[in-house]
Amino acid sequence: QNAPTNQKHFQDYLSAFCFGDFYTRGGLDLKTRELLT
């Protein structure tokens, strides 16, 4: 909500790319992924 209009794409990238493309993957559970991060 607080991201300036010209920076909202970074929030979208975080959600779709960092967390959507990687954190949702199989092979490792969420606790392990977050510890590795």
PDB file of all heavy atoms in Angstrom:
ATOM      1  N   GLN A   1       0.817  -1.209   0.000  1.00  0.00           N
ATOM      2  CA  GLN A   1       0.000   0.000   0.000  1.00  0.00           C
ATOM      3  C   GLN A   1       0.852   1.260   0.000  1.00  0.00           C
ATOM      4  O   GLN A   1       0.514   2.266  -0.654  1.00  0.00           O
ATOM      5  CB  GLN A   1      -0.927  -0.005   1.216  1.00  0.00           C
ATOM      6  CG  GLN A   1      -1.865   1.202   1.284  1.00  0.00           C
ATOM      7  CD  GLN A   1      -2.784   1.112   2.488  1.00  0.00           C
ATOM      8  OE1 GLN A   1      -2.779   0.132   3.219  1.00  0.00           O
ATOM      9  NE2 GLN A   1      -3.579   2.151   2.697  1.00  0.00           N
ATOM     10  N   ASN A   2       1.972   1.221   0.716  1.00  0.00           N
ATOM     11  CA  ASN A   2       2.794   2.417   0.890  1.00  0.00           C
ATOM     12  C   ASN A   2       3.825   2.627  -0.215  1.00  0.00           C
ATOM     13  O   ASN A   2       4.477   3.673  -0.259  1.00  0.00           O
ATOM     14  CB  ASN A   2       3.520   2.350   2.237  1.00  0.00           C
ATOM     15  CG  ASN A   2       2.562   2.431   3.415  1.00  0.00           C
ATOM     16  OD1 ASN A   2       1.461   2.966   3.289  1.00  0.00           O
ATOM     17  ND2 ASN A   2       2.972   1.894   4.555  1.00  0.00           N
ATOM     18  N   ALA A   3       3.974   1.656  -1.097  1.00  0.00           N
ATOM     19  CA  ALA A   3       4.971   1.799  -2.164  1.00  0.00           C
ATOM     20  C   ALA A   3       4.548   2.901  -3.144  1.00  0.00           C
ATOM     21  O   ALA A   3       3.399   2.928  -3.593  1.00  0.00           O
ATOM     22  CB  ALA A   3       5.130   0.484  -2.907  1.00  0.00           C
ATOM     23  N   PRO A   4       5.456   3.823  -3.483  1.00  0.00           N
ATOM     24  CA  PRO A   4       5.134   4.836  -4.503  1.00  0.00           C
ATOM     25  C   PRO A   4       4.761   4.165  -5.822  1.00  0.00           C
ATOM     26  O   PRO A   4       5.209   3.050  -6.112  1.00  0.00           O
ATOM     27  CB  PRO A   4       6.437   5.626  -4.635  1.00  0.00           C
ATOM     28  CG  PRO A   4       7.165   5.390  -3.352  1.00  0.00           C
ATOM     29  CD  PRO A   4       6.804   3.996  -2.936  1.00  0.00           C
ATOM     30  N   THR A   5       3.973   4.850  -6.608  1.00  0.00           N
ATOM     31  CA  THR A   5       3.474   4.268  -7.855  1.00  0.00           C
ATOM     32  C   THR A   5       4.602   3.772  -8.748  1.00  0.00           C
ATOM     33  O   THR A   5       4.500   2.690  -9.353  1.00  0.00           O
ATOM     34  CB  THR A   5       2.635   5.318  -8.610  1.00  0.00           C
ATOM     35  OG1 THR A   5       1.540   5.724  -7.785  1.00  0.00           O
ATOM     36  CG2 THR A   5       2.093   4.728  -9.914  1.00  0.00           C
ATOM     37  N   ASN A   6       5.687   4.533  -8.823  1.00  0.00           N
ATOM     38  CA  ASN A   6       6.784   4.141  -9.720  1.00  0.00           C
ATOM     39  C   ASN A   6       7.664   3.038  -9.136  1.00  0.00           C
ATOM     40  O   ASN A   6       8.651   2.630  -9.748  1.00  0.00           O
ATOM     41  CB  ASN A   6       7.639   5.360 -10.085  1.00  0.00           C
ATOM     42  CG  ASN A   6       8.384   5.943  -8.898  1.00  0.00           C
ATOM     43  OD1 ASN A   6       8.074   5.633  -7.748  1.00  0.00           O
ATOM     44  ND2 ASN A   6       9.356   6.805  -9.174  1.00  0.00           N
ATOM     45  N   GLN A   7       7.298   2.536  -7.940  1.00  0.00           N
ATOM     46  CA  GLN A   7       8.065   1.458  -7.311  1.00  0.00           C
ATOM     47  C   GLN A   7       7.217   0.240  -6.967  1.00  0.00           C
ATOM     48  O   GLN A   7       7.718  -0.736  -6.403  1.00  0.00           O
ATOM     49  CB  GLN A   7       8.743   1.988  -6.037  1.00  0.00           C
ATOM     50  CG  GLN A   7       9.740   3.106  -6.323  1.00  0.00           C
ATOM     51  CD  GLN A   7      10.223   3.802  -5.076  1.00  0.00           C
ATOM     52  OE1 GLN A   7      10.379   3.181  -4.027  1.00  0.00           O
ATOM     53  NE2 GLN A   7      10.461   5.112  -5.182  1.00  0.00           N
ATOM     54  N   LYS A   8       5.942   0.265  -7.323  1.00  0.00           N
ATOM     55  CA  LYS A   8       5.056  -0.848  -6.984  1.00  0.00           C
ATOM     56  C   LYS A   8       5.474  -2.149  -7.680  1.00  0.00           C
ATOM     57  O   LYS A   8       5.185  -3.240  -7.195  1.00  0.00           O
ATOM     58  CB  LYS A   8       3.605  -0.499  -7.329  1.00  0.00           C
ATOM     59  CG  LYS A   8       2.981   0.517  -6.387  1.00  0.00           C
ATOM     60  CD  LYS A   8       1.506   0.722  -6.680  1.00  0.00           C
ATOM     61  CE  LYS A   8       0.905   1.782  -5.758  1.00  0.00           C
ATOM     62  NZ  LYS A   8       0.952   1.390  -4.348  1.00  0.00           N
ATOM     63  N   HIS A   9       6.169  -2.016  -8.816  1.00  0.00           N
ATOM     64  CA  HIS A   9       6.568  -3.242  -9.517  1.00  0.00           C
ATOM     65  C   HIS A   9       7.546  -4.064  -8.685  1.00  0.00           C
ATOM     66  O   HIS A   9       7.583  -5.285  -8.812  1.00  0.00           O
ATOM     67  CB  HIS A   9       7.165  -2.911 -10.895  1.00  0.00           C
ATOM     68  CG  HIS A   9       8.405  -2.086 -10.860  1.00  0.00           C
ATOM     69  ND1 HIS A   9       8.407  -0.731 -10.552  1.00  0.00           N
ATOM     70  CD2 HIS A   9       9.703  -2.412 -11.104  1.00  0.00           C
ATOM     71  CE1 HIS A   9       9.635  -0.269 -10.615  1.00  0.00           C
ATOM     72  NE2 HIS A   9      10.455  -1.262 -10.938  1.00  0.00           N
ATOM     73  N   PHE A  10       8.325  -3.415  -7.807  1.00  0.00           N
ATOM     74  CA  PHE A  10       9.227  -4.182  -6.949  1.00  0.00           C
ATOM     75  C   PHE A  10       8.431  -5.075  -5.991  1.00  0.00           C
ATOM     76  O   PHE A  10       8.813  -6.222  -5.733  1.00  0.00           O
ATOM     77  CB  PHE A  10      10.147  -3.249  -6.153  1.00  0.00           C
ATOM     78  CG  PHE A  10      11.214  -2.594  -6.981  1.00  0.00           C
ATOM     79  CD1 PHE A  10      11.200  -1.227  -7.203  1.00  0.00           C
ATOM     80  CD2 PHE A  10      12.233  -3.349  -7.554  1.00  0.00           C
ATOM     81  CE1 PHE A  10      12.183  -0.622  -7.963  1.00  0.00           C
ATOM     82  CE2 PHE A  10      13.222  -2.744  -8.322  1.00  0.00           C
ATOM     83  CZ  PHE A  10      13.196  -1.383  -8.532  1.00  0.00           C
ATOM     84  N   GLN A  11       7.341  -4.544  -5.469  1.00  0.00           N
ATOM     85  CA  GLN A  11       6.488  -5.354  -4.595  1.00  0.00           C
ATOM     86  C   GLN A  11       5.859  -6.505  -5.368  1.00  0.00           C
ATOM     87  O   GLN A  11       5.759  -7.638  -4.852  1.00  0.00           O
ATOM     88  CB  GLN A  11       5.402  -4.474  -3.970  1.00  0.00           C
ATOM     89  CG  GLN A  11       5.922  -3.371  -3.069  1.00  0.00           C
ATOM     90  CD  GLN A  11       6.711  -3.906  -1.885  1.00  0.00           C
ATOM     91  OE1 GLN A  11       6.327  -4.904  -1.280  1.00  0.00           O
ATOM     92  NE2 GLN A  11       7.812  -3.250  -1.556  1.00  0.00           N
ATOM     93  N   ASP A  12       5.465  -6.241  -6.607  1.00  0.00           N
ATOM     94  CA  ASP A  12       4.902  -7.313  -7.434  1.00  0.00           C
ATOM     95  C   ASP A  12       5.955  -8.382  -7.732  1.00  0.00           C
ATOM     96  O   ASP A  12       5.656  -9.589  -7.706  1.00  0.00           O
ATOM     97  CB  ASP A  12       4.362  -6.748  -8.756  1.00  0.00           C
ATOM     98  CG  ASP A  12       3.118  -5.892  -8.565  1.00  0.00           C
ATOM     99  OD1 ASP A  12       2.481  -6.003  -7.500  1.00  0.00           O
ATOM    100  OD2 ASP A  12       2.796  -5.109  -9.486  1.00  0.00           O
ATOM    101  N   TYR A  13       7.172  -7.955  -8.023  1.00  0.00           N
ATOM    102  CA  TYR A  13       8.247  -8.917  -8.292  1.00  0.00           C
ATOM    103  C   TYR A  13       8.536  -9.780  -7.060  1.00  0.00           C
ATOM    104  O   TYR A  13       8.769 -10.989  -7.173  1.00  0.00           O
ATOM    105  CB  TYR A  13       9.532  -8.195  -8.695  1.00  0.00           C
ATOM    106  CG  TYR A  13       9.510  -7.495 -10.034  1.00  0.00           C
ATOM    107  CD1 TYR A  13      10.543  -6.636 -10.387  1.00  0.00           C
ATOM    108  CD2 TYR A  13       8.472  -7.682 -10.951  1.00  0.00           C
ATOM    109  CE1 TYR A  13      10.556  -5.976 -11.607  1.00  0.00           C
ATOM    110  CE2 TYR A  13       8.479  -7.023 -12.168  1.00  0.00           C
ATOM    111  CZ  TYR A  13       9.512  -6.171 -12.494  1.00  0.00           C
ATOM    112  OH  TYR A  13       9.525  -5.512 -13.705  1.00  0.00           O
ATOM    113  N   LEU A  14       8.563  -9.144  -5.890  1.00  0.00           N
ATOM    114  CA  LEU A  14       8.782  -9.910  -4.666  1.00  0.00           C
ATOM    115  C   LEU A  14       7.730 -11.007  -4.519  1.00  0.00           C
ATOM    116  O   LEU A  14       8.063 -12.159  -4.233  1.00  0.00           O
ATOM    117  CB  LEU A  14       8.745  -8.991  -3.445  1.00  0.00           C
ATOM    118  CG  LEU A  14      10.039  -8.258  -3.092  1.00  0.00           C
ATOM    119  CD1 LEU A  14       9.768  -7.181  -2.047  1.00  0.00           C
ATOM    120  CD2 LEU A  14      11.080  -9.248  -2.574  1.00  0.00           C
ATOM    121  N   SER A  15       6.477 -10.649  -4.721  1.00  0.00           N
ATOM    122  CA  SER A  15       5.405 -11.622  -4.534  1.00  0.00           C
ATOM    123  C   SER A  15       5.436 -12.717  -5.585  1.00  0.00           C
ATOM    124  O   SER A  15       5.388 -13.908  -5.263  1.00  0.00           O
ATOM    125  CB  SER A  15       4.045 -10.908  -4.560  1.00  0.00           C
ATOM    126  OG  SER A  15       3.940  -9.986  -3.503  1.00  0.00           O
ATOM    127  N   ALA A  16       5.509 -12.341  -6.858  1.00  0.00           N
ATOM    128  CA  ALA A  16       5.396 -13.318  -7.937  1.00  0.00           C
ATOM    129  C   ALA A  16       6.683 -14.086  -8.185  1.00  0.00           C
ATOM    130  O   ALA A  16       6.662 -15.313  -8.385  1.00  0.00           O
ATOM    131  CB  ALA A  16       4.949 -12.618  -9.225  1.00  0.00           C
ATOM    132  N   PHE A  17       7.813 -13.379  -8.166  1.00  0.00           N
ATOM    133  CA  PHE A  17       9.095 -13.993  -8.507  1.00  0.00           C
ATOM    134  C   PHE A  17       9.748 -14.644  -7.294  1.00  0.00           C
ATOM    135  O   PHE A  17       9.910 -15.866  -7.221  1.00  0.00           O
ATOM    136  CB  PHE A  17      10.006 -12.925  -9.125  1.00  0.00           C
ATOM    137  CG  PHE A  17      11.447 -13.334  -9.257  1.00  0.00           C
ATOM    138  CD1 PHE A  17      11.819 -14.397 -10.063  1.00  0.00           C
ATOM    139  CD2 PHE A  17      12.439 -12.642  -8.569  1.00  0.00           C
ATOM    140  CE1 PHE A  17      13.158 -14.772 -10.178  1.00  0.00           C
ATOM    141  CE2 PHE A  17      13.778 -12.999  -8.694  1.00  0.00           C
ATOM    142  CZ  PHE A  17      14.135 -14.078  -9.500  1.00  0.00           C
ATOM    143  N   CYS A  18      10.114 -13.837  -6.298  1.00  0.00           N
ATOM    144  CA  CYS A  18      10.840 -14.373  -5.146  1.00  0.00           C
ATOM    145  C   CYS A  18      10.013 -15.442  -4.423  1.00  0.00           C
ATOM    146  O   CYS A  18      10.502 -16.551  -4.171  1.00  0.00           O
ATOM    147  CB  CYS A  18      11.194 -13.240  -4.192  1.00  0.00           C
ATOM    148  SG  CYS A  18      12.144 -13.759  -2.760  1.00  0.00           S
ATOM    149  N   PHE A  19       8.776 -15.117  -4.112  1.00  0.00           N
ATOM    150  CA  PHE A  19       7.968 -16.042  -3.313  1.00  0.00           C
ATOM    151  C   PHE A  19       7.111 -16.970  -4.175  1.00  0.00           C
ATOM    152  O   PHE A  19       6.928 -18.140  -3.828  1.00  0.00           O
ATOM    153  CB  PHE A  19       7.119 -15.259  -2.312  1.00  0.00           C
ATOM    154  CG  PHE A  19       7.961 -14.613  -1.256  1.00  0.00           C
ATOM    155  CD1 PHE A  19       8.424 -13.316  -1.417  1.00  0.00           C
ATOM    156  CD2 PHE A  19       8.331 -15.313  -0.121  1.00  0.00           C
ATOM    157  CE1 PHE A  19       9.244 -12.726  -0.460  1.00  0.00           C
ATOM    158  CE2 PHE A  19       9.146 -14.741   0.839  1.00  0.00           C
ATOM    159  CZ  PHE A  19       9.604 -13.437   0.670  1.00  0.00           C
ATOM    160  N   GLY A  20       6.604 -16.477  -5.293  1.00  0.00           N
ATOM    161  CA  GLY A  20       5.789 -17.337  -6.151  1.00  0.00           C
ATOM    162  C   GLY A  20       6.598 -18.378  -6.900  1.00  0.00           C
ATOM    163  O   GLY A  20       6.278 -19.562  -6.896  1.00  0.00           O
ATOM    164  N   ASP A  21       7.679 -17.947  -7.536  1.00  0.00           N
ATOM    165  CA  ASP A  21       8.476 -18.856  -8.360  1.00  0.00           C
ATOM    166  C   ASP A  21       9.390 -19.760  -7.540  1.00  0.00           C
ATOM    167  O   ASP A  21       9.754 -20.842  -8.007  1.00  0.00           O
ATOM    168  CB  ASP A  21       9.321 -18.060  -9.360  1.00  0.00           C
ATOM    169  CG  ASP A  21       8.505 -17.419 -10.460  1.00  0.00           C
ATOM    170  OD1 ASP A  21       7.365 -17.866 -10.688  1.00  0.00           O
ATOM    171  OD2 ASP A  21       9.001 -16.460 -11.086  1.00  0.00           O
ATOM    172  N   PHE A  22       9.784 -19.334  -6.337  1.00  0.00           N
ATOM    173  CA  PHE A  22      10.777 -20.105  -5.573  1.00  0.00           C
ATOM    174  C   PHE A  22      10.225 -20.690  -4.276  1.00  0.00           C
ATOM    175  O   PHE A  22      10.337 -21.899  -4.047  1.00  0.00           O
ATOM    176  CB  PHE A  22      12.018 -19.245  -5.290  1.00  0.00           C
ATOM    177  CG  PHE A  22      12.822 -18.977  -6.529  1.00  0.00           C
ATOM    178  CD1 PHE A  22      12.692 -17.772  -7.212  1.00  0.00           C
ATOM    179  CD2 PHE A  22      13.667 -19.934  -7.054  1.00  0.00           C
ATOM    180  CE1 PHE A  22      13.411 -17.529  -8.376  1.00  0.00           C
ATOM    181  CE2 PHE A  22      14.392 -19.706  -8.213  1.00  0.00           C
ATOM    182  CZ  PHE A  22      14.257 -18.501  -8.875  1.00  0.00           C
ATOM    183  N   TYR A  23       9.637 -19.870  -3.420  1.00  0.00           N
ATOM    184  CA  TYR A  23       9.200 -20.386  -2.119  1.00  0.00           C
ATOM    185  C   TYR A  23       8.098 -21.432  -2.235  1.00  0.00           C
ATOM    186  O   TYR A  23       7.930 -22.251  -1.323  1.00  0.00           O
ATOM    187  CB  TYR A  23       8.715 -19.243  -1.234  1.00  0.00           C
ATOM    188  CG  TYR A  23       9.768 -18.641  -0.339  1.00  0.00           C
ATOM    189  CD1 TYR A  23      10.624 -17.647  -0.804  1.00  0.00           C
ATOM    190  CD2 TYR A  23       9.896 -19.045   0.991  1.00  0.00           C
ATOM    191  CE1 TYR A  23      11.581 -17.080   0.030  1.00  0.00           C
ATOM    192  CE2 TYR A  23      10.851 -18.482   1.821  1.00  0.00           C
ATOM    193  CZ  TYR A  23      11.690 -17.498   1.334  1.00  0.00           C
ATOM    194  OH  TYR A  23      12.649 -16.939   2.153  1.00  0.00           O
ATOM    195  N   THR A  24       7.335 -21.408  -3.292  1.00  0.00           N
ATOM    196  CA  THR A  24       6.242 -22.375  -3.442  1.00  0.00           C
ATOM    197  C   THR A  24       6.712 -23.730  -3.957  1.00  0.00           C
ATOM    198  O   THR A  24       5.926 -24.683  -3.988  1.00  0.00           O
ATOM    199  CB  THR A  24       5.180 -21.841  -4.432  1.00  0.00           C
ATOM    200  OG1 THR A  24       5.780 -21.702  -5.729  1.00  0.00           O
ATOM    201  CG2 THR A  24       4.596 -20.515  -3.972  1.00  0.00           C
ATOM    202  N   ARG A  25       7.954 -23.838  -4.380  1.00  0.00           N
ATOM    203  CA  ARG A  25       8.422 -25.070  -5.007  1.00  0.00           C
ATOM    204  C   ARG A  25       8.455 -26.228  -4.004  1.00  0.00           C
ATOM    205  O   ARG A  25       8.535 -26.034  -2.788  1.00  0.00           O
ATOM    206  CB  ARG A  25       9.820 -24.858  -5.608  1.00  0.00           C
ATOM    207  CG  ARG A  25       9.827 -23.899  -6.792  1.00  0.00           C
ATOM    208  CD  ARG A  25      11.236 -23.655  -7.316  1.00  0.00           C
ATOM    209  NE  ARG A  25      11.877 -24.876  -7.775  1.00  0.00           N
ATOM    210  CZ  ARG A  25      11.684 -25.434  -8.964  1.00  0.00           C
ATOM    211  NH1 ARG A  25      10.863 -24.850  -9.841  1.00  0.00           N
ATOM    212  NH2 ARG A  25      12.311 -26.541  -9.304  1.00  0.00           N
ATOM    213  N   GLY A  26       8.400 -27.448  -4.544  1.00  0.00           N
ATOM    214  CA  GLY A  26       8.546 -28.626  -3.716  1.00  0.00           C
ATOM    215  C   GLY A  26      10.005 -28.869  -3.383  1.00  0.00           C
ATOM    216  O   GLY A  26      10.896 -28.102  -3.735  1.00  0.00           O
ATOM    217  N   GLY A  27      10.272 -29.968  -2.689  1.00  0.00           N
ATOM    218  CA  GLY A  27      11.648 -30.367  -2.406  1.00  0.00           C
ATOM    219  C   GLY A  27      12.177 -29.920  -1.067  1.00  0.00           C
ATOM    220  O   GLY A  27      12.947 -30.629  -0.425  1.00  0.00           O
ATOM    221  N   LEU A  28      11.801 -28.727  -0.627  1.00  0.00           N
ATOM    222  CA  LEU A  28      12.175 -28.211   0.690  1.00  0.00           C
ATOM    223  C   LEU A  28      10.945 -27.579   1.324  1.00  0.00           C
ATOM    224  O   LEU A  28      10.156 -26.919   0.633  1.00  0.00           O
ATOM    225  CB  LEU A  28      13.273 -27.144   0.587  1.00  0.00           C
ATOM    226  CG  LEU A  28      14.641 -27.580   0.048  1.00  0.00           C
ATOM    227  CD1 LEU A  28      15.535 -26.352  -0.114  1.00  0.00           C
ATOM    228  CD2 LEU A  28      15.308 -28.614   0.933  1.00  0.00           C
ATOM    229  N   ASP A  29      10.786 -27.749   2.633  1.00  0.00           N
ATOM    230  CA  ASP A  29       9.635 -27.138   3.296  1.00  0.00           C
ATOM    231  C   ASP A  29       9.900 -25.669   3.594  1.00  0.00           C
ATOM    232  O   ASP A  29      11.017 -25.161   3.426  1.00  0.00           O
ATOM    233  CB  ASP A  29       9.233 -27.918   4.551  1.00  0.00           C
ATOM    234  CG  ASP A  29      10.312 -27.933   5.636  1.00  0.00           C
ATOM    235  OD1 ASP A  29      11.178 -27.034   5.650  1.00  0.00           O
ATOM    236  OD2 ASP A  29      10.281 -28.857   6.481  1.00  0.00           O
ATOM    237  N   LEU A  30       8.864 -24.977   4.052  1.00  0.00           N
ATOM    238  CA  LEU A  30       8.941 -23.526   4.240  1.00  0.00           C
ATOM    239  C   LEU A  30       9.953 -23.155   5.319  1.00  0.00           C
ATOM    240  O   LEU A  30      10.717 -22.185   5.164  1.00  0.00           O
ATOM    241  CB  LEU A  30       7.558 -22.977   4.589  1.00  0.00           C
ATOM    242  CG  LEU A  30       7.441 -21.451   4.690  1.00  0.00           C
ATOM    243  CD1 LEU A  30       7.837 -20.780   3.385  1.00  0.00           C
ATOM    244  CD2 LEU A  30       6.011 -21.060   5.080  1.00  0.00           C
ATOM    245  N   LYS A  31       9.987 -23.914   6.420  1.00  0.00           N
ATOM    246  CA  LYS A  31      10.937 -23.609   7.498  1.00  0.00           C
ATOM    247  C   LYS A  31      12.376 -23.697   7.006  1.00  0.00           C
ATOM    248  O   LYS A  31      13.210 -22.866   7.352  1.00  0.00           O
ATOM    249  CB  LYS A  31      10.729 -24.571   8.676  1.00  0.00           C
ATOM    250  CG  LYS A  31       9.485 -24.302   9.485  1.00  0.00           C
ATOM    251  CD  LYS A  31       9.307 -25.340  10.585  1.00  0.00           C
ATOM    252  CE  LYS A  31      10.362 -25.215  11.661  1.00  0.00           C
ATOM    253  NZ  LYS A  31      10.110 -26.135  12.805  1.00  0.00           N
ATOM    254  N   THR A  32      12.654 -24.689   6.182  1.00  0.00           N
ATOM    255  CA  THR A  32      14.012 -24.852   5.660  1.00  0.00           C
ATOM    256  C   THR A  32      14.355 -23.740   4.694  1.00  0.00           C
ATOM    257  O   THR A  32      15.450 -23.161   4.751  1.00  0.00           O
ATOM    258  CB  THR A  32      14.166 -26.213   4.970  1.00  0.00           C
ATOM    259  OG1 THR A  32      13.869 -27.253   5.911  1.00  0.00           O
ATOM    260  CG2 THR A  32      15.575 -26.410   4.430  1.00  0.00           C
ATOM    261  N   ARG A  33      13.441 -23.406   3.794  1.00  0.00           N
ATOM    262  CA  ARG A  33      13.708 -22.319   2.838  1.00  0.00           C
ATOM    263  C   ARG A  33      13.964 -21.004   3.560  1.00  0.00           C
ATOM    264  O   ARG A  33      14.883 -20.248   3.212  1.00  0.00           O
ATOM    265  CB  ARG A  33      12.542 -22.170   1.856  1.00  0.00           C
ATOM    266  CG  ARG A  33      12.463 -23.292   0.830  1.00  0.00           C
ATOM    267  CD  ARG A  33      11.398 -23.029  -0.224  1.00  0.00           C
ATOM    268  NE  ARG A  33      11.289 -24.159  -1.142  1.00  0.00           N
ATOM    269  CZ  ARG A  33      12.064 -24.331  -2.216  1.00  0.00           C
ATOM    270  NH1 ARG A  33      12.983 -23.427  -2.519  1.00  0.00           N
ATOM    271  NH2 ARG A  33      11.907 -25.386  -2.992  1.00  0.00           N
ATOM    272  N   GLU A  34      13.178 -20.725   4.586  1.00  0.00           N
ATOM    273  CA  GLU A  34      13.347 -19.453   5.288  1.00  0.00           C
ATOM    274  C   GLU A  34      14.658 -19.435   6.080  1.00  0.00           C
ATOM    275  O   GLU A  34      15.339 -18.400   6.147  1.00  0.00           O
ATOM    276  CB  GLU A  34      12.142 -19.198   6.198  1.00  0.00           C
ATOM    277  CG  GLU A  34      12.123 -17.847   6.879  1.00  0.00           C
ATOM    278  CD  GLU A  34      12.166 -16.654   5.941  1.00  0.00           C
ATOM    279  OE1 GLU A  34      11.985 -16.814   4.708  1.00  0.00           O
ATOM    280  OE2 GLU A  34      12.401 -15.540   6.429  1.00  0.00           O
ATOM    281  N   LEU A  35      15.049 -20.572   6.641  1.00  0.00           N
ATOM    282  CA  LEU A  35      16.331 -20.638   7.340  1.00  0.00           C
ATOM    283  C   LEU A  35      17.487 -20.448   6.363  1.00  0.00           C
ATOM    284  O   LEU A  35      18.449 -19.725   6.656  1.00  0.00           O
ATOM    285  CB  LEU A  35      16.467 -21.976   8.064  1.00  0.00           C
ATOM    286  CG  LEU A  35      17.709 -22.134   8.952  1.00  0.00           C
ATOM    287  CD1 LEU A  35      17.700 -21.124  10.091  1.00  0.00           C
ATOM    288  CD2 LEU A  35      17.792 -23.563   9.494  1.00  0.00           C
ATOM    289  N   LEU A  36      17.406 -21.068   5.194  1.00  0.00           N
ATOM    290  CA  LEU A  36      18.451 -20.899   4.185  1.00  0.00           C
ATOM    291  C   LEU A  36      18.523 -19.450   3.713  1.00  0.00           C
ATOM    292  O   LEU A  36      19.619 -18.903   3.512  1.00  0.00           O
ATOM    293  CB  LEU A  36      18.209 -21.831   2.995  1.00  0.00           C
ATOM    294  CG  LEU A  36      18.332 -23.325   3.278  1.00  0.00           C
ATOM    295  CD1 LEU A  36      18.070 -24.135   2.007  1.00  0.00           C
ATOM    296  CD2 LEU A  36      19.688 -23.694   3.863  1.00  0.00           C
ATOM    297  N   THR A  37      17.368 -18.804   3.552  1.00  0.00           N
ATOM    298  CA  THR A  37      17.368 -17.401   3.134  1.00  0.00           C
ATOM    299  C   THR A  37      18.068 -16.530   4.169  1.00  0.00           C
ATOM    300  O   THR A  37      18.860 -15.636   3.814  1.00  0.00           O
ATOM    301  CB  THR A  37      15.927 -16.911   2.907  1.00  0.00           C
ATOM    302  OG1 THR A  37      15.351 -17.656   1.824  1.00  0.00           O
ATOM    303  CG2 THR A  37      15.893 -15.430   2.565  1.00  0.00           C
TER     304      THR A  37
END
